[in-house]
Amino acid sequence: MLHTLVESVGLKQHLFAILSVDVLKIFKPNPRVYDLALTRLGIVKEEILFVSSNGWDVAGAKSFGFTVGWVNRQGNTTEA
């Protein structure tokens, strides 16, 4: 599904990899999800910038050790 979507919107040539938690059968913020990026890409945490518009998602990635960016679409205060 993700590969089809990326191709249909013309992003395929801009991406190095497409990762999905479907292979793990678990979801964020389980640390194994974030570790998937390190394992599949062969890089270390310090090389990742994790970006999301979901506060809980950013909190999980930050807790794992990623540098994070929160896209505040609504202009809200940070989520508790």
Protein backbone atom coordinates (compact mmCIF):
# COMPACT_ATOMS: atom_id res chain seq x y z
CA MET A 1 0.00 0.00 0.00
CA LEU A 2 2.73 2.50 0.93
CA HIS A 3 4.74 1.81 -2.20
CA THR A 4 1.68 2.38 -4.40
CA LEU A 5 0.86 5.62 -2.61
CA VAL A 6 4.40 6.97 -2.87
CA GLU A 7 4.51 6.17 -6.57
CA SER A 8 1.11 7.69 -7.30
CA VAL A 9 2.01 11.04 -5.70
CA GLY A 10 5.39 11.19 -7.44
CA LEU A 11 7.63 10.87 -4.40
CA LYS A 12 9.40 7.59 -5.14
CA GLN A 13 12.47 9.22 -6.69
CA HIS A 14 12.94 11.37 -3.56
CA LEU A 15 12.93 8.54 -1.01
CA PHE A 16 15.69 6.16 -0.03
CA ALA A 17 13.39 3.69 1.76
CA ILE A 18 9.79 3.13 2.81
CA LEU A 19 9.33 1.53 6.22
CA SER A 20 6.15 0.12 7.74
CA VAL A 21 5.37 -1.26 11.18
CA ASP A 22 3.29 -3.91 9.44
CA VAL A 23 6.32 -6.21 9.36
CA LEU A 24 6.54 -6.02 13.18
CA LYS A 25 2.81 -6.32 13.91
CA ILE A 26 3.20 -3.69 16.68
CA PHE A 27 2.69 0.06 16.75
CA LYS A 28 4.31 3.25 18.00
CA PRO A 29 5.36 4.15 20.61
CA ASN A 30 6.79 0.65 21.09
CA PRO A 31 10.59 1.11 20.93
CA ARG A 32 10.92 -1.75 18.41
CA VAL A 33 9.14 0.43 15.86
CA TYR A 34 11.77 3.17 16.08
CA ASP A 35 14.54 0.56 16.09
CA LEU A 36 13.20 -0.68 12.75
CA ALA A 37 14.57 2.47 11.10
CA LEU A 38 18.03 1.89 12.55
CA THR A 39 18.06 -1.76 11.56
CA ARG A 40 16.71 -1.32 8.04
CA LEU A 41 18.76 1.77 7.22
CA GLY A 42 21.93 0.66 8.98
CA ILE A 43 22.37 3.96 10.80
CA VAL A 44 22.54 5.23 14.40
CA LYS A 45 19.97 7.26 16.35
CA GLU A 46 21.96 10.46 15.95
CA GLU A 47 21.43 10.33 12.18
CA ILE A 48 17.63 10.38 12.43
CA LEU A 49 15.36 13.41 12.42
CA PHE A 50 11.90 12.09 13.27
CA VAL A 51 9.11 14.45 12.19
CA SER A 52 5.41 14.14 12.99
CA SER A 53 2.34 16.26 13.60
CA ASN A 54 1.31 13.97 16.48
CA GLY A 55 2.65 14.96 19.89
CA TRP A 56 2.48 11.41 21.22
CA ASP A 57 4.44 10.20 18.21
CA VAL A 58 7.17 12.78 18.73
CA ALA A 59 7.29 11.96 22.46
CA GLY A 60 7.81 8.25 21.70
CA ALA A 61 10.59 8.95 19.21
CA LYS A 62 12.27 11.41 21.59
CA SER A 63 12.08 8.84 24.39
CA PHE A 64 13.80 6.34 22.08
CA GLY A 65 16.61 8.84 21.50
CA PHE A 66 15.80 10.39 18.14
CA THR A 67 16.09 14.10 17.42
CA VAL A 68 12.51 15.14 16.73
CA GLY A 69 10.51 17.83 15.00
CA TRP A 70 6.87 18.46 15.82
CA VAL A 71 4.81 19.93 12.97
CA ASN A 72 2.26 21.99 14.88
CA ARG A 73 -0.53 22.15 12.29
CA GLN A 74 -3.11 23.61 14.65
CA GLY A 75 -0.95 26.14 16.51
CA ASN A 76 -1.64 24.28 19.77
CA THR A 77 0.39 24.20 22.92
CA THR A 78 2.39 21.02 23.41
CA GLU A 79 0.40 17.95 24.33
CA ALA A 80 0.74 16.65 27.88
